[in-house]
C-alpha atoms as a PDB file:
ATOM      1  CA  MET A   1     -32.913  41.274 -66.410  1.00  0.00           C
ATOM      2  CA  ARG A   2     -33.662  41.292 -62.679  1.00  0.00           C
ATOM      3  CA  ILE A   3     -33.861  44.412 -60.492  1.00  0.00           C
ATOM      4  CA  GLY A   4     -34.080  44.452 -56.694  1.00  0.00           C
ATOM      5  CA  VAL A   5     -36.327  47.203 -55.337  1.00  0.00           C
ATOM      6  CA  ILE A   6     -36.137  48.687 -51.845  1.00  0.00           C
ATOM      7  CA  ALA A   7     -37.917  51.680 -50.327  1.00  0.00           C
ATOM      8  CA  ASP A   8     -38.639  53.473 -47.082  1.00  0.00           C
ATOM      9  CA  VAL A   9     -35.699  52.290 -44.997  1.00  0.00           C
ATOM     10  CA  HIS A  10     -36.363  55.083 -42.480  1.00  0.00           C
ATOM     11  CA  GLY A  11     -33.037  54.654 -40.706  1.00  0.00           C
ATOM     12  CA  ASN A  12     -33.693  51.035 -39.733  1.00  0.00           C
ATOM     13  CA  LEU A  13     -30.219  49.613 -40.272  1.00  0.00           C
ATOM     14  CA  LEU A  14     -31.094  46.170 -38.898  1.00  0.00           C
ATOM     15  CA  ALA A  15     -33.946  45.731 -41.367  1.00  0.00           C
ATOM     16  CA  LEU A  16     -31.816  47.033 -44.236  1.00  0.00           C
ATOM     17  CA  GLN A  17     -29.012  44.602 -43.464  1.00  0.00           C
ATOM     18  CA  ALA A  18     -31.478  41.700 -43.482  1.00  0.00           C
ATOM     19  CA  VAL A  19     -32.932  42.733 -46.843  1.00  0.00           C
ATOM     20  CA  LEU A  20     -29.519  43.246 -48.420  1.00  0.00           C
ATOM     21  CA  ALA A  21     -28.425  39.800 -47.240  1.00  0.00           C
ATOM     22  CA  ARG A  22     -31.397  38.304 -49.095  1.00  0.00           C
ATOM     23  CA  LEU A  23     -30.709  40.382 -52.176  1.00  0.00           C
ATOM     24  CA  ARG A  24     -27.079  39.320 -52.247  1.00  0.00           C
ATOM     25  CA  LYS A  25     -28.250  35.705 -52.426  1.00  0.00           C
ATOM     26  CA  ALA A  26     -30.791  36.540 -55.127  1.00  0.00           C
ATOM     27  CA  ALA A  27     -28.065  38.372 -57.102  1.00  0.00           C
ATOM     28  CA  PRO A  28     -30.197  40.733 -59.212  1.00  0.00           C
ATOM     29  CA  ASP A  29     -28.496  42.696 -61.968  1.00  0.00           C
ATOM     30  CA  LEU A  30     -28.992  45.885 -59.982  1.00  0.00           C
ATOM     31  CA  ILE A  31     -30.832  47.333 -56.978  1.00  0.00           C
ATOM     32  CA  VAL A  32     -32.751  50.606 -56.850  1.00  0.00           C
ATOM     33  CA  ASN A  33     -33.647  52.532 -53.681  1.00  0.00           C
ATOM     34  CA  LEU A  34     -36.873  54.572 -53.781  1.00  0.00           C
ATOM     35  CA  GLY A  35     -36.164  56.980 -50.927  1.00  0.00           C
ATOM     36  CA  ASP A  36     -37.127  57.904 -47.355  1.00  0.00           C
ATOM     37  CA  LEU A  37     -33.702  56.756 -46.318  1.00  0.00           C
ATOM     38  CA  VAL A  38     -32.900  57.831 -42.769  1.00  0.00           C
ATOM     39  CA  SER A  39     -35.811  59.464 -40.917  1.00  0.00           C
ATOM     40  CA  GLY A  40     -36.706  57.049 -38.147  1.00  0.00           C
ATOM     41  CA  ALA A  41     -36.043  56.312 -34.486  1.00  0.00           C
ATOM     42  CA  PHE A  42     -33.291  53.762 -35.142  1.00  0.00           C
ATOM     43  CA  ASP A  43     -29.783  54.363 -36.536  1.00  0.00           C
ATOM     44  CA  PRO A  44     -30.005  57.160 -39.112  1.00  0.00           C
ATOM     45  CA  ALA A  45     -26.255  57.638 -39.512  1.00  0.00           C
ATOM     46  CA  GLY A  46     -25.535  53.922 -39.790  1.00  0.00           C
ATOM     47  CA  ALA A  47     -28.324  53.493 -42.310  1.00  0.00           C
ATOM     48  CA  ALA A  48     -27.052  56.472 -44.311  1.00  0.00           C
ATOM     49  CA  ASP A  49     -23.512  55.102 -44.345  1.00  0.00           C
ATOM     50  CA  LEU A  50     -24.650  51.731 -45.643  1.00  0.00           C
ATOM     51  CA  GLN A  51     -26.958  53.158 -48.300  1.00  0.00           C
ATOM     52  CA  MET A  52     -24.257  55.562 -49.499  1.00  0.00           C
ATOM     53  CA  SER A  53     -21.763  52.714 -49.750  1.00  0.00           C
ATOM     54  CA  LEU A  54     -24.010  50.668 -52.034  1.00  0.00           C
ATOM     55  CA  GLY A  55     -23.489  52.960 -55.008  1.00  0.00           C
ATOM     56  CA  ILE A  56     -26.926  52.101 -56.413  1.00  0.00           C
ATOM     57  CA  PRO A  57     -29.545  54.325 -58.072  1.00  0.00           C
ATOM     58  CA  THR A  58     -31.216  56.122 -55.160  1.00  0.00           C
ATOM     59  CA  ILE A  59     -34.129  58.568 -55.155  1.00  0.00           C
ATOM     60  CA  SER A  60     -34.895  61.421 -52.792  1.00  0.00           C
ATOM     61  CA  GLY A  61     -38.141  60.875 -50.888  1.00  0.00           C
ATOM     62  CA  ASN A  62     -40.290  63.364 -49.040  1.00  0.00           C
ATOM     63  CA  HIS A  63     -38.318  62.865 -45.834  1.00  0.00           C
ATOM     64  CA  GLU A  64     -35.027  63.781 -47.515  1.00  0.00           C
ATOM     65  CA  ARG A  65     -36.684  66.969 -48.772  1.00  0.00           C
ATOM     66  CA  GLN A  66     -38.122  67.694 -45.334  1.00  0.00           C
ATOM     67  CA  LEU A  67     -34.753  67.180 -43.646  1.00  0.00           C
ATOM     68  CA  LEU A  68     -33.039  69.527 -46.069  1.00  0.00           C
ATOM     69  CA  GLU A  69     -35.786  72.166 -45.991  1.00  0.00           C
ATOM     70  CA  GLY A  70     -36.220  72.092 -42.219  1.00  0.00           C
ATOM     71  CA  ALA A  71     -39.889  71.036 -42.404  1.00  0.00           C
ATOM     72  CA  GLU A  72     -39.270  68.260 -39.931  1.00  0.00           C
ATOM     73  CA  GLY A  73     -41.616  65.772 -38.336  1.00  0.00           C
ATOM     74  CA  ARG A  74     -40.645  63.720 -35.279  1.00  0.00           C
ATOM     75  CA  SER A  75     -38.668  61.148 -37.238  1.00  0.00           C
ATOM     76  CA  ASP A  76     -36.826  63.855 -39.175  1.00  0.00           C
ATOM     77  CA  ALA A  77     -36.075  65.777 -35.984  1.00  0.00           C
ATOM     78  CA  PHE A  78     -34.572  62.648 -34.430  1.00  0.00           C
ATOM     79  CA  ALA A  79     -32.404  61.923 -37.457  1.00  0.00           C
ATOM     80  CA  ARG A  80     -31.186  65.425 -38.311  1.00  0.00           C
ATOM     81  CA  PRO A  81     -28.627  65.988 -35.495  1.00  0.00           C
ATOM     82  CA  LEU A  82     -27.184  62.498 -36.008  1.00  0.00           C
ATOM     83  CA  LEU A  83     -26.363  63.075 -39.681  1.00  0.00           C
ATOM     84  CA  SER A  84     -23.068  64.456 -40.959  1.00  0.00           C
ATOM     85  CA  GLN A  85     -22.553  67.105 -43.616  1.00  0.00           C
ATOM     86  CA  ALA A  86     -21.490  64.286 -45.941  1.00  0.00           C
ATOM     87  CA  HIS A  87     -24.841  62.572 -45.386  1.00  0.00           C
ATOM     88  CA  LEU A  88     -26.756  65.781 -46.071  1.00  0.00           C
ATOM     89  CA  HIS A  89     -24.698  66.572 -49.166  1.00  0.00           C
ATOM     90  CA  TRP A  90     -25.420  63.103 -50.523  1.00  0.00           C
ATOM     91  CA  MET A  91     -29.151  63.484 -49.938  1.00  0.00           C
ATOM     92  CA  ALA A  92     -29.212  66.974 -51.453  1.00  0.00           C
ATOM     93  CA  ASN A  93     -27.855  65.626 -54.722  1.00  0.00           C
ATOM     94  CA  LEU A  94     -30.233  62.691 -55.141  1.00  0.00           C
ATOM     95  CA  PRO A  95     -32.647  62.750 -58.085  1.00  0.00           C
ATOM     96  CA  LYS A  96     -36.424  62.766 -57.687  1.00  0.00           C
ATOM     97  CA  THR A  97     -36.861  60.049 -60.326  1.00  0.00           C
ATOM     98  CA  VAL A  98     -34.673  57.639 -62.284  1.00  0.00           C
ATOM     99  CA  THR A  99     -35.181  55.544 -65.385  1.00  0.00           C
ATOM    100  CA  LEU A 100     -33.641  52.097 -65.724  1.00  0.00           C
ATOM    101  CA  ALA A 101     -33.429  49.273 -68.250  1.00  0.00           C
ATOM    102  CA  ASP A 102     -33.111  51.577 -71.263  1.00  0.00           C
ATOM    103  CA  GLY A 103     -36.222  53.511 -70.275  1.00  0.00           C
ATOM    104  CA  ASP A 104     -38.354  50.445 -69.612  1.00  0.00           C
ATOM    105  CA  VAL A 105     -38.520  51.164 -65.862  1.00  0.00           C
ATOM    106  CA  PHE A 106     -39.525  54.489 -64.270  1.00  0.00           C
ATOM    107  CA  ALA A 107     -38.787  54.831 -60.546  1.00  0.00           C
ATOM    108  CA  CYS A 108     -40.127  57.486 -58.185  1.00  0.00           C
ATOM    109  CA  HIS A 109     -40.903  57.867 -54.497  1.00  0.00           C
ATOM    110  CA  GLY A 110     -44.565  58.895 -54.553  1.00  0.00           C
ATOM    111  CA  SER A 111     -46.134  59.193 -57.988  1.00  0.00           C
ATOM    112  CA  PRO A 112     -44.824  60.273 -61.404  1.00  0.00           C
ATOM    113  CA  ALA A 113     -47.340  63.102 -61.774  1.00  0.00           C
ATOM    114  CA  GLY A 114     -47.896  64.207 -58.184  1.00  0.00           C
ATOM    115  CA  GLY A 115     -44.475  64.185 -56.551  1.00  0.00           C
ATOM    116  CA  ASP A 116     -43.115  62.672 -53.361  1.00  0.00           C
ATOM    117  CA  LEU A 117     -46.243  63.006 -51.196  1.00  0.00           C
ATOM    118  CA  GLU A 118     -48.824  61.553 -53.563  1.00  0.00           C
ATOM    119  CA  TYR A 119     -49.915  57.945 -53.209  1.00  0.00           C
ATOM    120  CA  LEU A 120     -49.880  56.326 -56.636  1.00  0.00           C
ATOM    121  CA  MET A 121     -52.156  53.316 -56.146  1.00  0.00           C
ATOM    122  CA  GLU A 122     -54.091  54.131 -52.987  1.00  0.00           C
ATOM    123  CA  ASP A 123     -57.118  56.193 -52.006  1.00  0.00           C
ATOM    124  CA  ILE A 124     -56.685  57.378 -48.411  1.00  0.00           C
ATOM    125  CA  SER A 125     -59.763  59.583 -48.164  1.00  0.00           C
ATOM    126  CA  THR A 126     -61.307  57.265 -45.553  1.00  0.00           C
ATOM    127  CA  GLY A 127     -58.199  57.367 -43.347  1.00  0.00           C
ATOM    128  CA  ARG A 128     -56.959  53.940 -44.443  1.00  0.00           C
ATOM    129  CA  PRO A 129     -55.304  53.077 -47.773  1.00  0.00           C
ATOM    130  CA  VAL A 130     -57.452  51.146 -50.230  1.00  0.00           C
ATOM    131  CA  MET A 131     -56.785  50.380 -53.881  1.00  0.00           C
ATOM    132  CA  ASP A 132     -57.872  53.314 -56.026  1.00  0.00           C
ATOM    133  CA  THR A 133     -59.693  53.079 -59.351  1.00  0.00           C
ATOM    134  CA  ALA A 134     -57.755  52.292 -62.505  1.00  0.00           C
ATOM    135  CA  GLY A 135     -58.695  55.687 -63.935  1.00  0.00           C
ATOM    136  CA  ASN A 136     -57.337  57.620 -60.968  1.00  0.00           C
ATOM    137  CA  ILE A 137     -54.118  55.603 -60.965  1.00  0.00           C
ATOM    138  CA  ALA A 138     -53.672  56.068 -64.714  1.00  0.00           C
ATOM    139  CA  ALA A 139     -53.907  59.848 -64.306  1.00  0.00           C
ATOM    140  CA  ARG A 140     -51.009  59.749 -61.834  1.00  0.00           C
ATOM    141  CA  LEU A 141     -48.806  57.973 -64.382  1.00  0.00           C
ATOM    142  CA  ALA A 142     -48.383  61.118 -66.479  1.00  0.00           C
ATOM    143  CA  GLY A 143     -44.746  61.669 -67.360  1.00  0.00           C
ATOM    144  CA  ILE A 144     -43.469  58.088 -67.490  1.00  0.00           C
ATOM    145  CA  GLY A 145     -42.761  58.190 -71.218  1.00  0.00           C
ATOM    146  CA  ASP A 146     -42.529  54.744 -72.760  1.00  0.00           C
ATOM    147  CA  ALA A 147     -41.887  52.937 -69.457  1.00  0.00           C
ATOM    148  CA  ARG A 148     -43.530  49.557 -69.052  1.00  0.00           C
ATOM    149  CA  VAL A 149     -42.841  49.361 -65.300  1.00  0.00           C
ATOM    150  CA  VAL A 150     -43.327  52.025 -62.625  1.00  0.00           C
ATOM    151  CA  LEU A 151     -41.700  51.575 -59.215  1.00  0.00           C
ATOM    152  CA  CYS A 152     -43.004  53.607 -56.281  1.00  0.00           C
ATOM    153  CA  GLY A 153     -42.673  53.693 -52.507  1.00  0.00           C
ATOM    154  CA  HIS A 154     -44.040  56.128 -49.902  1.00  0.00           C
ATOM    155  CA  THR A 155     -47.146  54.181 -48.879  1.00  0.00           C
ATOM    156  CA  HIS A 156     -45.266  51.352 -47.116  1.00  0.00           C
ATOM    157  CA  VAL A 157     -47.874  49.015 -48.645  1.00  0.00           C
ATOM    158  CA  SER A 158     -46.541  46.117 -50.732  1.00  0.00           C
ATOM    159  CA  ARG A 159     -48.634  46.036 -53.874  1.00  0.00           C
ATOM    160  CA  VAL A 160     -48.525  45.055 -57.547  1.00  0.00           C
ATOM    161  CA  ALA A 161     -51.025  46.223 -60.164  1.00  0.00           C
ATOM    162  CA  TRP A 162     -51.439  46.364 -63.909  1.00  0.00           C
ATOM    163  CA  ILE A 163     -52.878  49.584 -65.346  1.00  0.00           C
ATOM    164  CA  GLY A 164     -53.301  48.884 -69.021  1.00  0.00           C
ATOM    165  CA  ASP A 165     -49.949  47.529 -70.130  1.00  0.00           C
ATOM    166  CA  VAL A 166     -47.997  49.222 -67.318  1.00  0.00           C
ATOM    167  CA  LEU A 167     -46.875  47.155 -64.328  1.00  0.00           C
ATOM    168  CA  ILE A 168     -46.804  49.151 -61.075  1.00  0.00           C
ATOM    169  CA  VAL A 169     -44.812  47.799 -58.138  1.00  0.00           C
ATOM    170  CA  ASN A 170     -44.568  49.094 -54.581  1.00  0.00           C
ATOM    171  CA  PRO A 171     -42.116  46.934 -52.603  1.00  0.00           C
ATOM    172  CA  GLY A 172     -43.411  48.051 -49.213  1.00  0.00           C
ATOM    173  CA  SER A 173     -41.169  49.429 -46.500  1.00  0.00           C
ATOM    174  CA  VAL A 174     -37.818  48.008 -45.480  1.00  0.00           C
ATOM    175  CA  GLY A 175     -37.839  49.610 -42.068  1.00  0.00           C
ATOM    176  CA  MET A 176     -41.206  51.057 -40.979  1.00  0.00           C
ATOM    177  CA  PRO A 177     -44.246  48.751 -41.118  1.00  0.00           C
ATOM    178  CA  ALA A 178     -46.762  51.240 -39.703  1.00  0.00           C
ATOM    179  CA  TYR A 179     -47.176  54.994 -39.428  1.00  0.00           C
ATOM    180  CA  ARG A 180     -49.655  57.860 -39.209  1.00  0.00           C
ATOM    181  CA  GLY A 181     -49.674  60.470 -41.953  1.00  0.00           C
ATOM    182  CA  SER A 182     -51.342  63.861 -42.243  1.00  0.00           C
ATOM    183  CA  PHE A 183     -51.362  64.645 -45.990  1.00  0.00           C
ATOM    184  CA  PRO A 184     -53.718  65.065 -47.737  1.00  0.00           C
ATOM    185  CA  VAL A 185     -55.906  63.882 -44.836  1.00  0.00           C
ATOM    186  CA  PRO A 186     -55.019  62.202 -41.533  1.00  0.00           C
ATOM    187  CA  HIS A 187     -54.528  58.502 -42.172  1.00  0.00           C
ATOM    188  CA  LEU A 188     -53.118  55.300 -40.724  1.00  0.00           C
ATOM    189  CA  VAL A 189     -51.048  52.727 -42.601  1.00  0.00           C
ATOM    190  CA  GLU A 190     -50.278  49.309 -41.094  1.00  0.00           C
ATOM    191  CA  ALA A 191     -48.608  46.343 -42.772  1.00  0.00           C
ATOM    192  CA  GLY A 192     -49.966  44.049 -40.060  1.00  0.00           C
ATOM    193  CA  ALA A 193     -46.620  42.280 -39.592  1.00  0.00           C
ATOM    194  CA  PRO A 194     -43.185  43.674 -38.692  1.00  0.00           C
ATOM    195  CA  HIS A 195     -41.207  42.105 -41.526  1.00  0.00           C
ATOM    196  CA  ALA A 196     -38.854  44.066 -43.778  1.00  0.00           C
ATOM    197  CA  ARG A 197     -40.157  44.256 -47.340  1.00  0.00           C
ATOM    198  CA  TYR A 198     -38.600  44.374 -50.786  1.00  0.00           C
ATOM    199  CA  ALA A 199     -39.382  43.354 -54.364  1.00  0.00           C
ATOM    200  CA  ILE A 200     -37.654  41.859 -57.366  1.00  0.00           C
ATOM    201  CA  ILE A 201     -38.829  42.637 -60.879  1.00  0.00           C
ATOM    202  CA  GLU A 202     -37.745  40.557 -63.846  1.00  0.00           C
ATOM    203  CA  LYS A 203     -37.886  40.900 -67.611  1.00  0.00           C
ATOM    204  CA  THR A 204     -38.131  37.717 -69.666  1.00  0.00           C
ATOM    205  CA  PRO A 205     -39.216  37.157 -73.276  1.00  0.00           C
ATOM    206  CA  ALA A 206     -42.783  37.081 -71.920  1.00  0.00           C
ATOM    207  CA  GLY A 207     -42.418  40.575 -70.425  1.00  0.00           C
ATOM    208  CA  TRP A 208     -42.031  42.041 -66.939  1.00  0.00           C
ATOM    209  CA  SER A 209     -43.152  40.380 -63.707  1.00  0.00           C
ATOM    210  CA  ALA A 210     -42.738  41.102 -59.996  1.00  0.00           C
ATOM    211  CA  GLU A 211     -42.191  39.227 -56.750  1.00  0.00           C
ATOM    212  CA  LEU A 212     -42.886  40.700 -53.305  1.00  0.00           C
ATOM    213  CA  HIS A 213     -40.795  39.510 -50.359  1.00  0.00           C
ATOM    214  CA  ALA A 214     -41.015  39.788 -46.559  1.00  0.00           C
ATOM    215  CA  VAL A 215     -37.947  39.170 -44.393  1.00  0.00           C
ATOM    216  CA  ALA A 216     -37.766  38.335 -40.700  1.00  0.00           C
ATOM    217  CA  TYR A 217     -34.992  39.994 -38.695  1.00  0.00           C
ATOM    218  CA  ASP A 218     -34.389  40.989 -35.079  1.00  0.00           C
ATOM    219  CA  PHE A 219     -37.631  42.916 -34.562  1.00  0.00           C
ATOM    220  CA  GLU A 220     -37.048  43.166 -30.825  1.00  0.00           C
ATOM    221  CA  ALA A 221     -33.671  44.859 -31.273  1.00  0.00           C
ATOM    222  CA  ALA A 222     -35.267  47.431 -33.578  1.00  0.00           C
ATOM    223  CA  ALA A 223     -38.065  47.950 -31.045  1.00  0.00           C
ATOM    224  CA  ARG A 224     -35.532  48.604 -28.298  1.00  0.00           C
ATOM    225  CA  GLN A 225     -33.786  51.198 -30.464  1.00  0.00           C
ATOM    226  CA  ALA A 226     -37.110  52.985 -30.908  1.00  0.00           C
ATOM    227  CA  GLU A 227     -37.798  52.860 -27.171  1.00  0.00           C
ATOM    228  CA  GLN A 228     -34.385  54.360 -26.454  1.00  0.00           C
ATOM    229  CA  ALA A 229     -35.311  57.179 -28.839  1.00  0.00           C
ATOM    230  CA  GLY A 230     -38.516  57.805 -26.878  1.00  0.00           C
ATOM    231  CA  ARG A 231     -40.793  56.357 -29.562  1.00  0.00           C
ATOM    232  CA  ASN A 232     -42.887  53.698 -27.871  1.00  0.00           C
ATOM    233  CA  ASP A 233     -45.377  53.900 -30.745  1.00  0.00           C
ATOM    234  CA  VAL A 234     -42.676  52.935 -33.230  1.00  0.00           C
ATOM    235  CA  ALA A 235     -41.462  50.190 -30.903  1.00  0.00           C
ATOM    236  CA  HIS A 236     -44.973  48.723 -30.927  1.00  0.00           C
ATOM    237  CA  ALA A 237     -44.937  48.797 -34.723  1.00  0.00           C
ATOM    238  CA  MET A 238     -41.602  46.985 -34.790  1.00  0.00           C
ATOM    239  CA  ARG A 239     -43.059  44.155 -32.730  1.00  0.00           C
ATOM    240  CA  THR A 240     -46.490  43.895 -34.346  1.00  0.00           C
ATOM    241  CA  GLY A 241     -46.640  45.722 -37.680  1.00  0.00           C
ATOM    242  CA  ARG A 242     -49.352  47.927 -36.175  1.00  0.00           C
ATOM    243  CA  LEU A 243     -49.517  51.143 -34.173  1.00  0.00           C
ATOM    244  CA  PRO A 244     -51.018  51.291 -30.680  1.00  0.00           C
ATOM    245  CA  ALA A 245     -54.436  52.865 -30.301  1.00  0.00           C
ATOM    246  CA  PRO A 246     -54.239  56.655 -29.793  1.00  0.00           C
END
C-alpha cells in the first residue's frame, strides 16, 4: 500500500498543482491532507476549491480553527474575506485526526497528544526547530492506539524518524517554506529552499517506509502573488525558502 501525504498548503494553489501532478504520476493508493489549507497570501479560494474537489481524507489544522473562531493572524485575515460559505462549511466539518490503512496509520496536524499547535518532533525553545529527544517525542504520541505510522504537519519541516517501532513522517509544507511563529515561544522556521514538499509512505512485507520529495514550480509567480497581497516577507520566502531579516 502506498499513501501520498501533503500538508500546509496555505493557499498556494501553484505549489499544490505541482505536487498533485507529481502524485498523479506516482499513483499512490490514496492521498491524505494534514491541514492548514488556505491561510496564505496567494489564492485561498482557488486552493480551497481544488482541495475540496479531491475528495481525500483531510484534517483541520490550526489555521482552519483560527479562521472559524476569528482568532486570525495576517495570513488568516487575508484569506477570510476571499472564502465562500461553502469553503467555511467544509472546513468546519473536517476532523482533527484520521486513521488509515486499517488503523496502521494515524494522521494529525500537530501532535496526537498536544493538538494542532504542538510540534511533534521538534524542540523550538531556542527559537529554531531542532530534533527533540526520543523521550519527549514518545510522550507526544499518546493516543495513537496500535498505529505503526504517525503523519504530522504544522512545522513545515520535512522529517522522518523512528521512535521505537513507530515511524513518524512530516512531509514538509506544500506552499509555505518559511514562517515566524509565536507559540509556545517566538520562533523562525526556514526550509532553506522554496520547493513544494510532500511524502509517500509505503507498506511492504518488510514494513512501512517513507520517501520525502521536493518539487520545483513557478516560484516567481507565487512570489508575485504574495507581493500583490502586500506580503513582501512571504514573497522573499517564495524565492529563497528563507525570510528576510527583521
